Structures are given as C-alpha cells and as structure tokens.
C-alpha cells in the first residue's frame, strides 16, 4: 500500500471500500491485453455502487528520471472500463477484466502509406519519423499497473497498484547505414 492510499484509508476517504488488483507477472505487447482481476470489498454497514474502473500503465521509472510523461515516467497509458456493480454491505466481488494495451497505428491509419514508398527522400524521412514517434516503448522492462475504482458517494477513487514485467517478445530492429538487424 502506498503512502497516499494509507493516508486515504486512515482518514476514512475511501468510503470503507478495499481494493485488490491481481496481474500476471509478465506481459508482452503482442498479447494486446493484460488479464487482470480487481477484487472490491464493500463498506461494513452501507451498500455502495461501483461505477467503473480507471487503469494507468506506466513505466517504473527511477526517482531521478526525467519527467517526460509526468511523475518521472517515460511511458503512460490510460484505459477505463465502465460497469455498474451494486455492492452489498461487507460483500466482496472479483471482476475479471482485460486491460487493453495500446497498439501503434499503421501507416495506412496515419495516412502516410504512400509517403513511405515515395521517391523523395524528405517525404520518406518525414513518414518514417511519424512511424517512429508512434512505436511502442522498447528497453523498458518494469511497469506499474494502477487501478482506481469509481464508487458513488466517494469523492476520490480507491485503488491498488501492482508491478508487472515486460516479457520482451517485441521485435527490436537496429539500423546501421540502411542495413536492419532484427
């Protein structure tokens, strides 16, 4: 439990809700999803209504890392799932979900497929620059997956965070003077 979660629970700001997140130890970008299970335990005496789940996948950046994507992260992806669940007093529910991983757009989706085949070097370089900017991160091996559960009557989401490793099945290509090794 992080310091913020401890303070929130200690001050009674969680609405009496407890959240647990289960994730696999490893994921890979080609999998397209991460299977997760969110367990929510309700308030002891009052019914609650869950209105949704907000997830954030970010790299586990060292504290001294440059803050490119905010809070020291080099990569950050958000995903939400809306679902209404009535939670009786003291009841517990486990919701299996598939966290949808980001997929980079294709050249066709970016509208630059013709530019990749163009004869002009400037046009080809610009198109390749767009493709590089939309690539999934490489070289990051540790990530944090956070879930915040939206609950009616609770101002701030109640959440949990787990560490997950990138398995490394992503194909890496190195370019040397027009020769690609990968």
C-alpha atoms as a PDB file:
ATOM      1  CA  UNK A   1       0.000   0.000   0.000  1.00  0.00           C
ATOM      2  CA  UNK A   2       1.393   3.375  -0.993  1.00  0.00           C
ATOM      3  CA  UNK A   3       1.592   6.386   1.311  1.00  0.00           C
ATOM      4  CA  UNK A   4      -1.330   8.108  -0.439  1.00  0.00           C
ATOM      5  CA  UNK A   5      -3.513   5.012  -0.109  1.00  0.00           C
ATOM      6  CA  UNK A   6      -2.579   4.673   3.580  1.00  0.00           C
ATOM      7  CA  UNK A   7      -3.478   8.346   4.275  1.00  0.00           C
ATOM      8  CA  UNK A   8      -6.727   7.986   2.319  1.00  0.00           C
ATOM      9  CA  UNK A   9      -7.743   4.861   4.248  1.00  0.00           C
ATOM     10  CA  UNK A  10      -6.644   6.324   7.616  1.00  0.00           C
ATOM     11  CA  UNK A  11      -8.734   9.460   7.137  1.00  0.00           C
ATOM     12  CA  UNK A  12     -11.774   7.482   6.015  1.00  0.00           C
ATOM     13  CA  UNK A  13     -11.678   8.922   2.492  1.00  0.00           C
ATOM     14  CA  UNK A  14     -12.039   5.514   0.844  1.00  0.00           C
ATOM     15  CA  UNK A  15     -15.721   5.176   1.654  1.00  0.00           C
ATOM     16  CA  UNK A  16     -14.972   1.961   3.532  1.00  0.00           C
ATOM     17  CA  UNK A  17     -14.010   0.227   0.292  1.00  0.00           C
ATOM     18  CA  UNK A  18     -10.970  -2.037  -0.094  1.00  0.00           C
ATOM     19  CA  UNK A  19      -9.457  -2.824  -3.491  1.00  0.00           C
ATOM     20  CA  UNK A  20      -7.088  -5.568  -4.561  1.00  0.00           C
ATOM     21  CA  UNK A  21      -5.508  -5.945  -8.010  1.00  0.00           C
ATOM     22  CA  UNK A  22      -4.170  -9.200  -9.435  1.00  0.00           C
ATOM     23  CA  UNK A  23      -1.942  -9.121 -12.518  1.00  0.00           C
ATOM     24  CA  UNK A  24       0.220 -11.724 -14.240  1.00  0.00           C
ATOM     25  CA  UNK A  25       3.955 -11.417 -13.532  1.00  0.00           C
ATOM     26  CA  UNK A  26       4.791 -10.729 -17.212  1.00  0.00           C
ATOM     27  CA  UNK A  27       3.126  -9.187 -20.281  1.00  0.00           C
ATOM     28  CA  UNK A  28       4.138  -8.680 -23.911  1.00  0.00           C
ATOM     29  CA  UNK A  29       2.962  -6.031 -26.374  1.00  0.00           C
ATOM     30  CA  UNK A  30       1.832  -8.599 -28.993  1.00  0.00           C
ATOM     31  CA  UNK A  31      -0.651 -10.032 -26.445  1.00  0.00           C
ATOM     32  CA  UNK A  32      -2.824  -6.915 -26.950  1.00  0.00           C
ATOM     33  CA  UNK A  33      -4.357  -7.315 -23.427  1.00  0.00           C
ATOM     34  CA  UNK A  34      -3.287  -7.952 -19.853  1.00  0.00           C
ATOM     35  CA  UNK A  35      -5.725 -10.202 -17.961  1.00  0.00           C
ATOM     36  CA  UNK A  36      -6.404  -8.643 -14.557  1.00  0.00           C
ATOM     37  CA  UNK A  37      -8.753  -9.283 -11.659  1.00  0.00           C
ATOM     38  CA  UNK A  38      -9.999  -6.465  -9.429  1.00  0.00           C
ATOM     39  CA  UNK A  39     -11.405  -7.508  -6.046  1.00  0.00           C
ATOM     40  CA  UNK A  40     -13.570  -4.924  -4.290  1.00  0.00           C
ATOM     41  CA  UNK A  41     -14.755  -5.354  -0.713  1.00  0.00           C
ATOM     42  CA  UNK A  42     -17.645  -3.121   0.348  1.00  0.00           C
ATOM     43  CA  UNK A  43     -18.281  -0.929   3.372  1.00  0.00           C
ATOM     44  CA  UNK A  44     -19.117  -2.858   6.556  1.00  0.00           C
ATOM     45  CA  UNK A  45     -22.551  -1.307   7.086  1.00  0.00           C
ATOM     46  CA  UNK A  46     -23.579   0.592   3.928  1.00  0.00           C
ATOM     47  CA  UNK A  47     -24.232  -0.550   0.356  1.00  0.00           C
ATOM     48  CA  UNK A  48     -22.053   1.017  -2.353  1.00  0.00           C
ATOM     49  CA  UNK A  49     -22.277   1.209  -6.133  1.00  0.00           C
ATOM     50  CA  UNK A  50     -19.197   0.774  -8.296  1.00  0.00           C
ATOM     51  CA  UNK A  51     -19.470   2.856 -11.459  1.00  0.00           C
ATOM     52  CA  UNK A  52     -16.227   1.971 -13.216  1.00  0.00           C
ATOM     53  CA  UNK A  53     -12.529   1.209 -13.203  1.00  0.00           C
ATOM     54  CA  UNK A  54      -9.729   3.552 -14.313  1.00  0.00           C
ATOM     55  CA  UNK A  55      -6.372   1.970 -15.134  1.00  0.00           C
ATOM     56  CA  UNK A  56      -2.947   3.503 -15.722  1.00  0.00           C
ATOM     57  CA  UNK A  57       0.029   1.556 -17.073  1.00  0.00           C
ATOM     58  CA  UNK A  58       3.307   3.405 -16.674  1.00  0.00           C
ATOM     59  CA  UNK A  59       6.941   2.516 -16.555  1.00  0.00           C
ATOM     60  CA  UNK A  60       8.548   2.042 -13.172  1.00  0.00           C
ATOM     61  CA  UNK A  61      10.907   4.993 -13.549  1.00  0.00           C
ATOM     62  CA  UNK A  62      13.662   5.708 -11.070  1.00  0.00           C
ATOM     63  CA  UNK A  63      13.016   8.738  -8.863  1.00  0.00           C
ATOM     64  CA  UNK A  64      15.730  10.716 -10.637  1.00  0.00           C
ATOM     65  CA  UNK A  65      14.417  10.065 -14.165  1.00  0.00           C
ATOM     66  CA  UNK A  66      13.487  12.950 -16.424  1.00  0.00           C
ATOM     67  CA  UNK A  67       9.786  13.747 -16.288  1.00  0.00           C
ATOM     68  CA  UNK A  68       8.785  13.386 -19.947  1.00  0.00           C
ATOM     69  CA  UNK A  69       5.313  11.929 -19.354  1.00  0.00           C
ATOM     70  CA  UNK A  70       4.756  13.331 -15.859  1.00  0.00           C
ATOM     71  CA  UNK A  71       5.820  11.943 -12.475  1.00  0.00           C
ATOM     72  CA  UNK A  72       9.133  10.648 -13.889  1.00  0.00           C
ATOM     73  CA  UNK A  73       7.517   8.222 -16.341  1.00  0.00           C
ATOM     74  CA  UNK A  74       8.734   7.763 -19.885  1.00  0.00           C
ATOM     75  CA  UNK A  75       5.576   5.837 -20.807  1.00  0.00           C
ATOM     76  CA  UNK A  76       1.973   6.247 -19.622  1.00  0.00           C
ATOM     77  CA  UNK A  77      -1.239   4.722 -20.994  1.00  0.00           C
ATOM     78  CA  UNK A  78      -4.731   5.126 -19.541  1.00  0.00           C
ATOM     79  CA  UNK A  79      -7.721   2.832 -20.034  1.00  0.00           C
ATOM     80  CA  UNK A  80     -11.204   2.904 -18.479  1.00  0.00           C
ATOM     81  CA  UNK A  81     -13.922   0.307 -18.079  1.00  0.00           C
ATOM     82  CA  UNK A  82     -17.453   1.376 -17.166  1.00  0.00           C
ATOM     83  CA  UNK A  83     -19.593  -1.094 -15.279  1.00  0.00           C
ATOM     84  CA  UNK A  84     -22.296  -0.654 -12.642  1.00  0.00           C
ATOM     85  CA  UNK A  85     -21.991  -3.109  -9.753  1.00  0.00           C
ATOM     86  CA  UNK A  86     -24.148  -2.997  -6.622  1.00  0.00           C
ATOM     87  CA  UNK A  87     -22.060  -3.949  -3.611  1.00  0.00           C
ATOM     88  CA  UNK A  88     -23.942  -5.039  -0.501  1.00  0.00           C
ATOM     89  CA  UNK A  89     -22.533  -4.197   2.959  1.00  0.00           C
ATOM     90  CA  UNK A  90     -19.445  -6.296   3.687  1.00  0.00           C
ATOM     91  CA  UNK A  91     -19.718  -8.135   0.367  1.00  0.00           C
ATOM     92  CA  UNK A  92     -16.783  -8.791  -1.896  1.00  0.00           C
ATOM     93  CA  UNK A  93     -16.783  -9.079  -5.691  1.00  0.00           C
ATOM     94  CA  UNK A  94     -13.980 -10.024  -8.083  1.00  0.00           C
ATOM     95  CA  UNK A  95     -14.225  -8.580 -11.581  1.00  0.00           C
ATOM     96  CA  UNK A  96     -12.055 -10.206 -14.263  1.00  0.00           C
ATOM     97  CA  UNK A  97     -11.090  -7.711 -16.980  1.00  0.00           C
ATOM     98  CA  UNK A  98      -8.748  -7.446 -19.940  1.00  0.00           C
ATOM     99  CA  UNK A  99      -6.662  -4.269 -19.772  1.00  0.00           C
ATOM    100  CA  UNK A 100      -6.370  -3.230 -23.421  1.00  0.00           C
ATOM    101  CA  UNK A 101      -2.776  -2.439 -24.382  1.00  0.00           C
ATOM    102  CA  UNK A 102      -2.083   0.397 -26.796  1.00  0.00           C
ATOM    103  CA  UNK A 103      -1.348  -0.531 -30.388  1.00  0.00           C
ATOM    104  CA  UNK A 104       0.622   1.756 -32.657  1.00  0.00           C
ATOM    105  CA  UNK A 105      -1.305   2.940 -35.714  1.00  0.00           C
ATOM    106  CA  UNK A 106      -0.351   1.529 -39.087  1.00  0.00           C
ATOM    107  CA  UNK A 107       0.976   3.651 -41.938  1.00  0.00           C
ATOM    108  CA  UNK A 108      -2.455   3.345 -43.575  1.00  0.00           C
ATOM    109  CA  UNK A 109      -4.198   4.634 -40.438  1.00  0.00           C
ATOM    110  CA  UNK A 110      -1.791   7.572 -40.292  1.00  0.00           C
ATOM    111  CA  UNK A 111      -2.411   8.270 -43.979  1.00  0.00           C
ATOM    112  CA  UNK A 112       1.286   8.033 -44.831  1.00  0.00           C
ATOM    113  CA  UNK A 113       1.483   4.640 -46.589  1.00  0.00           C
ATOM    114  CA  UNK A 114       2.180   6.297 -49.947  1.00  0.00           C
ATOM    115  CA  UNK A 115       4.820   8.548 -48.371  1.00  0.00           C
ATOM    116  CA  UNK A 116       6.817   5.524 -47.159  1.00  0.00           C
ATOM    117  CA  UNK A 117       7.140   4.441 -50.811  1.00  0.00           C
ATOM    118  CA  UNK A 118       7.762   7.954 -52.182  1.00  0.00           C
ATOM    119  CA  UNK A 119      10.831   8.715 -54.249  1.00  0.00           C
ATOM    120  CA  UNK A 120      11.567  11.974 -52.425  1.00  0.00           C
ATOM    121  CA  UNK A 121      13.919  11.462 -49.507  1.00  0.00           C
ATOM    122  CA  UNK A 122      12.380  14.269 -47.413  1.00  0.00           C
ATOM    123  CA  UNK A 123       8.888  12.792 -47.714  1.00  0.00           C
ATOM    124  CA  UNK A 124      10.151   9.283 -46.813  1.00  0.00           C
ATOM    125  CA  UNK A 125      12.102  10.619 -43.817  1.00  0.00           C
ATOM    126  CA  UNK A 126       9.074  12.538 -42.540  1.00  0.00           C
ATOM    127  CA  UNK A 127       6.857   9.452 -42.882  1.00  0.00           C
ATOM    128  CA  UNK A 128       9.415   7.262 -41.070  1.00  0.00           C
ATOM    129  CA  UNK A 129       9.616   9.903 -38.328  1.00  0.00           C
ATOM    130  CA  UNK A 130       5.845   9.650 -37.795  1.00  0.00           C
ATOM    131  CA  UNK A 131       6.101   5.853 -37.579  1.00  0.00           C
ATOM    132  CA  UNK A 132       8.965   6.061 -35.061  1.00  0.00           C
ATOM    133  CA  UNK A 133       7.030   8.510 -32.883  1.00  0.00           C
ATOM    134  CA  UNK A 134       4.097   6.096 -32.587  1.00  0.00           C
ATOM    135  CA  UNK A 135       6.155   2.966 -31.762  1.00  0.00           C
ATOM    136  CA  UNK A 136       5.668   1.109 -28.519  1.00  0.00           C
ATOM    137  CA  UNK A 137       8.446   1.671 -25.976  1.00  0.00           C
ATOM    138  CA  UNK A 138      11.492  -0.575 -26.130  1.00  0.00           C
ATOM    139  CA  UNK A 139      14.030  -1.074 -23.396  1.00  0.00           C
ATOM    140  CA  UNK A 140      11.577  -0.578 -20.522  1.00  0.00           C
ATOM    141  CA  UNK A 141      11.298  -3.789 -18.535  1.00  0.00           C
ATOM    142  CA  UNK A 142       9.361  -2.831 -15.364  1.00  0.00           C
ATOM    143  CA  UNK A 143       5.894  -1.280 -15.347  1.00  0.00           C
ATOM    144  CA  UNK A 144       3.292  -0.344 -12.736  1.00  0.00           C
ATOM    145  CA  UNK A 145      -0.384  -1.025 -13.339  1.00  0.00           C
ATOM    146  CA  UNK A 146      -2.749   1.017 -11.170  1.00  0.00           C
ATOM    147  CA  UNK A 147      -6.496   0.675 -10.856  1.00  0.00           C
ATOM    148  CA  UNK A 148      -8.802   3.288  -9.327  1.00  0.00           C
ATOM    149  CA  UNK A 149     -12.341   2.095  -8.649  1.00  0.00           C
ATOM    150  CA  UNK A 150     -15.007   4.767  -9.066  1.00  0.00           C
ATOM    151  CA  UNK A 151     -17.614   4.467  -6.315  1.00  0.00           C
ATOM    152  CA  UNK A 152     -20.792   6.533  -5.951  1.00  0.00           C
ATOM    153  CA  UNK A 153     -20.554   8.791  -2.916  1.00  0.00           C
ATOM    154  CA  UNK A 154     -16.762   8.645  -2.694  1.00  0.00           C
ATOM    155  CA  UNK A 155     -15.013  11.769  -3.990  1.00  0.00           C
ATOM    156  CA  UNK A 156     -11.757  10.086  -4.880  1.00  0.00           C
ATOM    157  CA  UNK A 157     -11.258   6.655  -6.440  1.00  0.00           C
ATOM    158  CA  UNK A 158     -10.000   3.842  -4.259  1.00  0.00           C
ATOM    159  CA  UNK A 159      -7.180   1.886  -5.804  1.00  0.00           C
ATOM    160  CA  UNK A 160      -4.299  -0.522  -5.831  1.00  0.00           C
ATOM    161  CA  UNK A 161      -1.018  -0.770  -7.755  1.00  0.00           C
ATOM    162  CA  UNK A 162       0.985  -3.791  -8.879  1.00  0.00           C
ATOM    163  CA  UNK A 163       4.322  -4.214 -10.586  1.00  0.00           C
ATOM    164  CA  UNK A 164       4.447  -6.133 -13.877  1.00  0.00           C
ATOM    165  CA  UNK A 165       7.407  -7.017 -16.123  1.00  0.00           C
ATOM    166  CA  UNK A 166       7.600  -6.689 -19.868  1.00  0.00           C
ATOM    167  CA  UNK A 167       8.490 -10.097 -21.312  1.00  0.00           C
ATOM    168  CA  UNK A 168      10.434  -8.795 -24.285  1.00  0.00           C
ATOM    169  CA  UNK A 169       8.860 -10.610 -27.229  1.00  0.00           C
ATOM    170  CA  UNK A 170       8.719  -7.294 -29.081  1.00  0.00           C
ATOM    171  CA  UNK A 171      10.971  -7.448 -32.144  1.00  0.00           C
ATOM    172  CA  UNK A 172      13.745  -4.888 -31.915  1.00  0.00           C
ATOM    173  CA  UNK A 173      15.307  -3.564 -35.098  1.00  0.00           C
ATOM    174  CA  UNK A 174      18.640  -1.779 -35.192  1.00  0.00           C
ATOM    175  CA  UNK A 175      19.542   0.222 -38.270  1.00  0.00           C
ATOM    176  CA  UNK A 176      23.103   0.694 -39.496  1.00  0.00           C
ATOM    177  CA  UNK A 177      23.574   2.603 -42.743  1.00  0.00           C
ATOM    178  CA  UNK A 178      20.448   1.191 -44.327  1.00  0.00           C
ATOM    179  CA  UNK A 179      21.008  -2.344 -43.003  1.00  0.00           C
ATOM    180  CA  UNK A 180      18.449  -3.563 -40.472  1.00  0.00           C
ATOM    181  CA  UNK A 181      19.324  -6.287 -37.991  1.00  0.00           C
ATOM    182  CA  UNK A 182      16.441  -7.735 -36.037  1.00  0.00           C
END
